[in-house]
Amino acid sequence: MSHITISINEQPEQVAQSSSLSDIIQALSLPDLGCVFAINNAVVPRSQWQQTIVNEGDSISLFQAIAGG
């Protein structure tokens, strides 16, 4: 299986080629509840995670909701 290099919060990661955002979240045990993911600065709605294929060199940003007062 071929791999590609992407970055997640500016950290390089090797993932399987043709991986969806959902595949990457599962493979890397990333949190998904209360989180927003953006690929190349474009937010990906949760309903599109399974269909969104990540490409070589893509930059994924993970944002977690934080409660405050």
PDB file of N, CA and C in Angstrom:
ATOM      1  N   MET A   1       0.850  -1.184   0.000  1.00  0.00           N
ATOM      2  CA  MET A   1       0.000   0.000   0.000  1.00  0.00           C
ATOM      3  C   MET A   1       0.891   1.241   0.000  1.00  0.00           C
ATOM      4  N   SER A   2       0.587   2.182  -0.849  1.00  0.00           N
ATOM      5  CA  SER A   2       1.345   3.427  -0.934  1.00  0.00           C
ATOM      6  C   SER A   2       0.908   4.380   0.168  1.00  0.00           C
ATOM      7  N   HIS A   3       1.860   5.206   0.581  1.00  0.00           N
ATOM      8  CA  HIS A   3       1.581   6.195   1.608  1.00  0.00           C
ATOM      9  C   HIS A   3       1.861   7.591   1.072  1.00  0.00           C
ATOM     10  N   ILE A   4       1.226   8.565   1.695  1.00  0.00           N
ATOM     11  CA  ILE A   4       1.456   9.968   1.377  1.00  0.00           C
ATOM     12  C   ILE A   4       1.809  10.690   2.669  1.00  0.00           C
ATOM     13  N   THR A   5       2.422  11.857   2.525  1.00  0.00           N
ATOM     14  CA  THR A   5       2.753  12.678   3.686  1.00  0.00           C
ATOM     15  C   THR A   5       1.809  13.872   3.724  1.00  0.00           C
ATOM     16  N   ILE A   6       1.198  14.052   4.878  1.00  0.00           N
ATOM     17  CA  ILE A   6       0.333  15.201   5.132  1.00  0.00           C
ATOM     18  C   ILE A   6       0.831  15.850   6.417  1.00  0.00           C
ATOM     19  N   SER A   7       0.246  16.962   6.799  1.00  0.00           N
ATOM     20  CA  SER A   7       0.561  17.526   8.113  1.00  0.00           C
ATOM     21  C   SER A   7      -0.732  17.699   8.891  1.00  0.00           C
ATOM     22  N   ILE A   8      -0.638  17.409  10.172  1.00  0.00           N
ATOM     23  CA  ILE A   8      -1.767  17.595  11.077  1.00  0.00           C
ATOM     24  C   ILE A   8      -1.294  18.528  12.178  1.00  0.00           C
ATOM     25  N   ASN A   9      -1.904  19.697  12.241  1.00  0.00           N
ATOM     26  CA  ASN A   9      -1.461  20.750  13.162  1.00  0.00           C
ATOM     27  C   ASN A   9       0.050  20.951  13.058  1.00  0.00           C
ATOM     28  N   GLU A  10       0.516  21.036  11.812  1.00  0.00           N
ATOM     29  CA  GLU A  10       1.906  21.323  11.452  1.00  0.00           C
ATOM     30  C   GLU A  10       2.882  20.195  11.778  1.00  0.00           C
ATOM     31  N   GLN A  11       2.388  19.001  12.100  1.00  0.00           N
ATOM     32  CA  GLN A  11       3.241  17.839  12.353  1.00  0.00           C
ATOM     33  C   GLN A  11       3.096  16.862  11.189  1.00  0.00           C
ATOM     34  N   PRO A  12       4.213  16.439  10.564  1.00  0.00           N
ATOM     35  CA  PRO A  12       4.106  15.510   9.434  1.00  0.00           C
ATOM     36  C   PRO A  12       3.601  14.139   9.864  1.00  0.00           C
ATOM     37  N   GLU A  13       2.768  13.554   9.033  1.00  0.00           N
ATOM     38  CA  GLU A  13       2.219  12.213   9.271  1.00  0.00           C
ATOM     39  C   GLU A  13       2.199  11.451   7.956  1.00  0.00           C
ATOM     40  N   GLN A  14       2.486  10.162   8.015  1.00  0.00           N
ATOM     41  CA  GLN A  14       2.367   9.272   6.869  1.00  0.00           C
ATOM     42  C   GLN A  14       1.029   8.559   6.985  1.00  0.00           C
ATOM     43  N   VAL A  15       0.235   8.607   5.928  1.00  0.00           N
ATOM     44  CA  VAL A  15      -1.062   7.930   5.910  1.00  0.00           C
ATOM     45  C   VAL A  15      -1.205   7.183   4.591  1.00  0.00           C
ATOM     46  N   ALA A  16      -2.105   6.232   4.576  1.00  0.00           N
ATOM     47  CA  ALA A  16      -2.349   5.461   3.359  1.00  0.00           C
ATOM     48  C   ALA A  16      -2.914   6.364   2.265  1.00  0.00           C
ATOM     49  N   GLN A  17      -2.425   6.149   1.049  1.00  0.00           N
ATOM     50  CA  GLN A  17      -2.946   6.886  -0.096  1.00  0.00           C
ATOM     51  C   GLN A  17      -4.438   6.606  -0.240  1.00  0.00           C
ATOM     52  N   SER A  18      -5.188   7.571  -0.688  1.00  0.00           N
ATOM     53  CA  SER A  18      -6.645   7.486  -0.884  1.00  0.00           C
ATOM     54  C   SER A  18      -7.420   7.388   0.426  1.00  0.00           C
ATOM     55  N   SER A  19      -6.817   7.838   1.530  1.00  0.00           N
ATOM     56  CA  SER A  19      -7.517   7.846   2.819  1.00  0.00           C
ATOM     57  C   SER A  19      -8.510   8.995   2.873  1.00  0.00           C
ATOM     58  N   SER A  20      -9.657   8.716   3.468  1.00  0.00           N
ATOM     59  CA  SER A  20     -10.618   9.792   3.723  1.00  0.00           C
ATOM     60  C   SER A  20     -10.243  10.460   5.045  1.00  0.00           C
ATOM     61  N   LEU A  21     -10.802  11.617   5.280  1.00  0.00           N
ATOM     62  CA  LEU A  21     -10.575  12.294   6.554  1.00  0.00           C
ATOM     63  C   LEU A  21     -11.023  11.391   7.694  1.00  0.00           C
ATOM     64  N   SER A  22     -12.140  10.717   7.534  1.00  0.00           N
ATOM     65  CA  SER A  22     -12.643   9.791   8.548  1.00  0.00           C
ATOM     66  C   SER A  22     -11.649   8.660   8.807  1.00  0.00           C
ATOM     67  N   ASP A  23     -11.050   8.103   7.746  1.00  0.00           N
ATOM     68  CA  ASP A  23     -10.047   7.041   7.890  1.00  0.00           C
ATOM     69  C   ASP A  23      -8.867   7.524   8.724  1.00  0.00           C
ATOM     70  N   ILE A  24      -8.413   8.739   8.458  1.00  0.00           N
ATOM     71  CA  ILE A  24      -7.256   9.298   9.164  1.00  0.00           C
ATOM     72  C   ILE A  24      -7.583   9.535  10.630  1.00  0.00           C
ATOM     73  N   ILE A  25      -8.762  10.053  10.906  1.00  0.00           N
ATOM     74  CA  ILE A  25      -9.179  10.284  12.294  1.00  0.00           C
ATOM     75  C   ILE A  25      -9.131   8.972  13.068  1.00  0.00           C
ATOM     76  N   GLN A  26      -9.634   7.898  12.468  1.00  0.00           N
ATOM     77  CA  GLN A  26      -9.629   6.586  13.127  1.00  0.00           C
ATOM     78  C   GLN A  26      -8.224   6.015  13.238  1.00  0.00           C
ATOM     79  N   ALA A  27      -7.458   6.043  12.151  1.00  0.00           N
ATOM     80  CA  ALA A  27      -6.123   5.438  12.128  1.00  0.00           C
ATOM     81  C   ALA A  27      -5.173   6.092  13.125  1.00  0.00           C
ATOM     82  N   LEU A  28      -5.301   7.401  13.303  1.00  0.00           N
ATOM     83  CA  LEU A  28      -4.401   8.131  14.200  1.00  0.00           C
ATOM     84  C   LEU A  28      -5.018   8.380  15.575  1.00  0.00           C
ATOM     85  N   SER A  29      -6.197   7.804  15.819  1.00  0.00           N
ATOM     86  CA  SER A  29      -6.898   7.962  17.100  1.00  0.00           C
ATOM     87  C   SER A  29      -7.064   9.431  17.483  1.00  0.00           C
ATOM     88  N   LEU A  30      -7.438  10.241  16.505  1.00  0.00           N
ATOM     89  CA  LEU A  30      -7.673  11.658  16.772  1.00  0.00           C
ATOM     90  C   LEU A  30      -9.043  11.837  17.410  1.00  0.00           C
ATOM     91  N   PRO A  31      -9.177  12.832  18.276  1.00  0.00           N
ATOM     92  CA  PRO A  31     -10.498  13.087  18.859  1.00  0.00           C
ATOM     93  C   PRO A  31     -11.444  13.573  17.773  1.00  0.00           C
ATOM     94  N   ASP A  32     -12.725  13.236  17.908  1.00  0.00           N
ATOM     95  CA  ASP A  32     -13.678  13.721  16.911  1.00  0.00           C
ATOM     96  C   ASP A  32     -14.887  14.415  17.531  1.00  0.00           C
ATOM     97  N   LEU A  33     -15.170  14.149  18.787  1.00  0.00           N
ATOM     98  CA  LEU A  33     -16.300  14.818  19.433  1.00  0.00           C
ATOM     99  C   LEU A  33     -15.898  16.237  19.825  1.00  0.00           C
ATOM    100  N   GLY A  34     -16.724  17.191  19.474  1.00  0.00           N
ATOM    101  CA  GLY A  34     -16.431  18.580  19.805  1.00  0.00           C
ATOM    102  C   GLY A  34     -15.269  19.150  19.017  1.00  0.00           C
ATOM    103  N   CYS A  35     -14.984  18.552  17.849  1.00  0.00           N
ATOM    104  CA  CYS A  35     -13.845  18.983  17.041  1.00  0.00           C
ATOM    105  C   CYS A  35     -14.284  19.435  15.658  1.00  0.00           C
ATOM    106  N   VAL A  36     -13.484  20.313  15.100  1.00  0.00           N
ATOM    107  CA  VAL A  36     -13.663  20.762  13.723  1.00  0.00           C
ATOM    108  C   VAL A  36     -12.349  20.498  13.005  1.00  0.00           C
ATOM    109  N   PHE A  37     -12.443  19.970  11.782  1.00  0.00           N
ATOM    110  CA  PHE A  37     -11.263  19.730  10.967  1.00  0.00           C
ATOM    111  C   PHE A  37     -11.311  20.630   9.746  1.00  0.00           C
ATOM    112  N   ALA A  38     -10.155  21.186   9.396  1.00  0.00           N
ATOM    113  CA  ALA A  38     -10.024  21.980   8.178  1.00  0.00           C
ATOM    114  C   ALA A  38      -8.885  21.388   7.360  1.00  0.00           C
ATOM    115  N   ILE A  39      -9.091  21.295   6.060  1.00  0.00           N
ATOM    116  CA  ILE A  39      -8.039  20.852   5.151  1.00  0.00           C
ATOM    117  C   ILE A  39      -7.662  22.048   4.299  1.00  0.00           C
ATOM    118  N   ASN A  40      -6.384  22.417   4.358  1.00  0.00           N
ATOM    119  CA  ASN A  40      -5.887  23.581   3.612  1.00  0.00           C
ATOM    120  C   ASN A  40      -6.752  24.817   3.877  1.00  0.00           C
ATOM    121  N   ASN A  41      -7.060  25.019   5.154  1.00  0.00           N
ATOM    122  CA  ASN A  41      -7.814  26.180   5.650  1.00  0.00           C
ATOM    123  C   ASN A  41      -9.288  26.199   5.271  1.00  0.00           C
ATOM    124  N   ALA A  42      -9.815  25.083   4.788  1.00  0.00           N
ATOM    125  CA  ALA A  42     -11.246  24.996   4.466  1.00  0.00           C
ATOM    126  C   ALA A  42     -11.894  23.987   5.406  1.00  0.00           C
ATOM    127  N   VAL A  43     -12.851  24.447   6.211  1.00  0.00           N
ATOM    128  CA  VAL A  43     -13.528  23.569   7.165  1.00  0.00           C
ATOM    129  C   VAL A  43     -14.294  22.487   6.412  1.00  0.00           C
ATOM    130  N   VAL A  44     -14.165  21.248   6.906  1.00  0.00           N
ATOM    131  CA  VAL A  44     -14.871  20.114   6.310  1.00  0.00           C
ATOM    132  C   VAL A  44     -16.012  19.731   7.251  1.00  0.00           C
ATOM    133  N   PRO A  45     -17.259  19.859   6.816  1.00  0.00           N
ATOM    134  CA  PRO A  45     -18.386  19.475   7.669  1.00  0.00           C
ATOM    135  C   PRO A  45     -18.312  17.988   8.028  1.00  0.00           C
ATOM    136  N   ARG A  46     -18.723  17.658   9.233  1.00  0.00           N
ATOM    137  CA  ARG A  46     -18.711  16.263   9.691  1.00  0.00           C
ATOM    138  C   ARG A  46     -19.405  15.337   8.686  1.00  0.00           C
ATOM    139  N   SER A  47     -20.449  15.809   8.057  1.00  0.00           N
ATOM    140  CA  SER A  47     -21.186  14.984   7.094  1.00  0.00           C
ATOM    141  C   SER A  47     -20.357  14.639   5.857  1.00  0.00           C
ATOM    142  N   GLN A  48     -19.226  15.322   5.666  1.00  0.00           N
ATOM    143  CA  GLN A  48     -18.368  15.082   4.501  1.00  0.00           C
ATOM    144  C   GLN A  48     -17.060  14.363   4.839  1.00  0.00           C
ATOM    145  N   TRP A  49     -16.827  14.022   6.100  1.00  0.00           N
ATOM    146  CA  TRP A  49     -15.563  13.392   6.489  1.00  0.00           C
ATOM    147  C   TRP A  49     -15.299  12.103   5.724  1.00  0.00           C
ATOM    148  N   GLN A  50     -16.312  11.269   5.559  1.00  0.00           N
ATOM    149  CA  GLN A  50     -16.132   9.971   4.902  1.00  0.00           C
ATOM    150  C   GLN A  50     -15.819  10.135   3.412  1.00  0.00           C
ATOM    151  N   GLN A  51     -16.360  11.151   2.772  1.00  0.00           N
ATOM    152  CA  GLN A  51     -16.191  11.345   1.334  1.00  0.00           C
ATOM    153  C   GLN A  51     -14.981  12.203   0.969  1.00  0.00           C
ATOM    154  N   THR A  52     -14.378  12.868   1.950  1.00  0.00           N
ATOM    155  CA  THR A  52     -13.277  13.790   1.675  1.00  0.00           C
ATOM    156  C   THR A  52     -11.951  13.035   1.676  1.00  0.00           C
ATOM    157  N   ILE A  53     -11.348  12.911   0.491  1.00  0.00           N
ATOM    158  CA  ILE A  53     -10.078  12.206   0.336  1.00  0.00           C
ATOM    159  C   ILE A  53      -8.940  13.204   0.523  1.00  0.00           C
ATOM    160  N   VAL A  54      -7.943  12.805   1.310  1.00  0.00           N
ATOM    161  CA  VAL A  54      -6.797  13.655   1.599  1.00  0.00           C
ATOM    162  C   VAL A  54      -5.700  13.359   0.575  1.00  0.00           C
ATOM    163  N   ASN A  55      -5.018  14.413   0.132  1.00  0.00           N
ATOM    164  CA  ASN A  55      -3.984  14.299  -0.892  1.00  0.00           C
ATOM    165  C   ASN A  55      -2.600  14.617  -0.341  1.00  0.00           C
ATOM    166  N   GLU A  56      -1.577  14.160  -1.040  1.00  0.00           N
ATOM    167  CA  GLU A  56      -0.184  14.438  -0.692  1.00  0.00           C
ATOM    168  C   GLU A  56      -0.009  15.933  -0.429  1.00  0.00           C
ATOM    169  N   GLY A  57       0.626  16.252   0.711  1.00  0.00           N
ATOM    170  CA  GLY A  57       0.933  17.633   1.039  1.00  0.00           C
ATOM    171  C   GLY A  57      -0.189  18.418   1.685  1.00  0.00           C
ATOM    172  N   ASP A  58      -1.372  17.821   1.832  1.00  0.00           N
ATOM    173  CA  ASP A  58      -2.474  18.539   2.472  1.00  0.00           C
ATOM    174  C   ASP A  58      -2.125  18.877   3.915  1.00  0.00           C
ATOM    175  N   SER A  59      -2.646  19.993   4.367  1.00  0.00           N
ATOM    176  CA  SER A  59      -2.467  20.435   5.743  1.00  0.00           C
ATOM    177  C   SER A  59      -3.814  20.355   6.455  1.00  0.00           C
ATOM    178  N   ILE A  60      -3.868  19.527   7.489  1.00  0.00           N
ATOM    179  CA  ILE A  60      -5.091  19.365   8.265  1.00  0.00           C
ATOM    180  C   ILE A  60      -4.922  20.097   9.591  1.00  0.00           C
ATOM    181  N   SER A  61      -5.905  20.904   9.918  1.00  0.00           N
ATOM    182  CA  SER A  61      -5.920  21.594  11.209  1.00  0.00           C
ATOM    183  C   SER A  61      -7.061  21.031  12.036  1.00  0.00           C
ATOM    184  N   LEU A  62      -6.772  20.751  13.288  1.00  0.00           N
ATOM    185  CA  LEU A  62      -7.751  20.215  14.233  1.00  0.00           C
ATOM    186  C   LEU A  62      -8.019  21.279  15.282  1.00  0.00           C
ATOM    187  N   PHE A  63      -9.289  21.630  15.424  1.00  0.00           N
ATOM    188  CA  PHE A  63      -9.701  22.610  16.424  1.00  0.00           C
ATOM    189  C   PHE A  63     -10.658  21.933  17.386  1.00  0.00           C
ATOM    190  N   GLN A  64     -10.390  22.062  18.690  1.00  0.00           N
ATOM    191  CA  GLN A  64     -11.260  21.474  19.704  1.00  0.00           C
ATOM    192  C   GLN A  64     -12.018  22.577  20.423  1.00  0.00           C
ATOM    193  N   ALA A  65     -13.316  22.329  20.628  1.00  0.00           N
ATOM    194  CA  ALA A  65     -14.138  23.275  21.379  1.00  0.00           C
ATOM    195  C   ALA A  65     -13.719  23.242  22.845  1.00  0.00           C
ATOM    196  N   ILE A  66     -13.614  24.408  23.427  1.00  0.00           N
ATOM    197  CA  ILE A  66     -13.223  24.517  24.830  1.00  0.00           C
ATOM    198  C   ILE A  66     -14.273  25.365  25.540  1.00  0.00           C
ATOM    199  N   ALA A  67     -14.814  24.822  26.620  1.00  0.00           N
ATOM    200  CA  ALA A  67     -15.806  25.562  27.397  1.00  0.00           C
ATOM    201  C   ALA A  67     -15.094  26.603  28.249  1.00  0.00           C
ATOM    202  N   GLY A  68     -15.701  27.721  28.368  1.00  0.00           N
ATOM    203  CA  GLY A  68     -15.104  28.772  29.179  1.00  0.00           C
ATOM    204  C   GLY A  68     -16.182  29.673  29.744  1.00  0.00           C
ATOM    205  N   GLY A  69     -15.757  30.595  30.494  1.00  0.00           N
ATOM    206  CA  GLY A  69     -16.747  31.473  31.072  1.00  0.00           C
ATOM    207  C   GLY A  69     -16.237  32.857  31.249  1.00  0.00           C
TER     208      GLY A  69
END
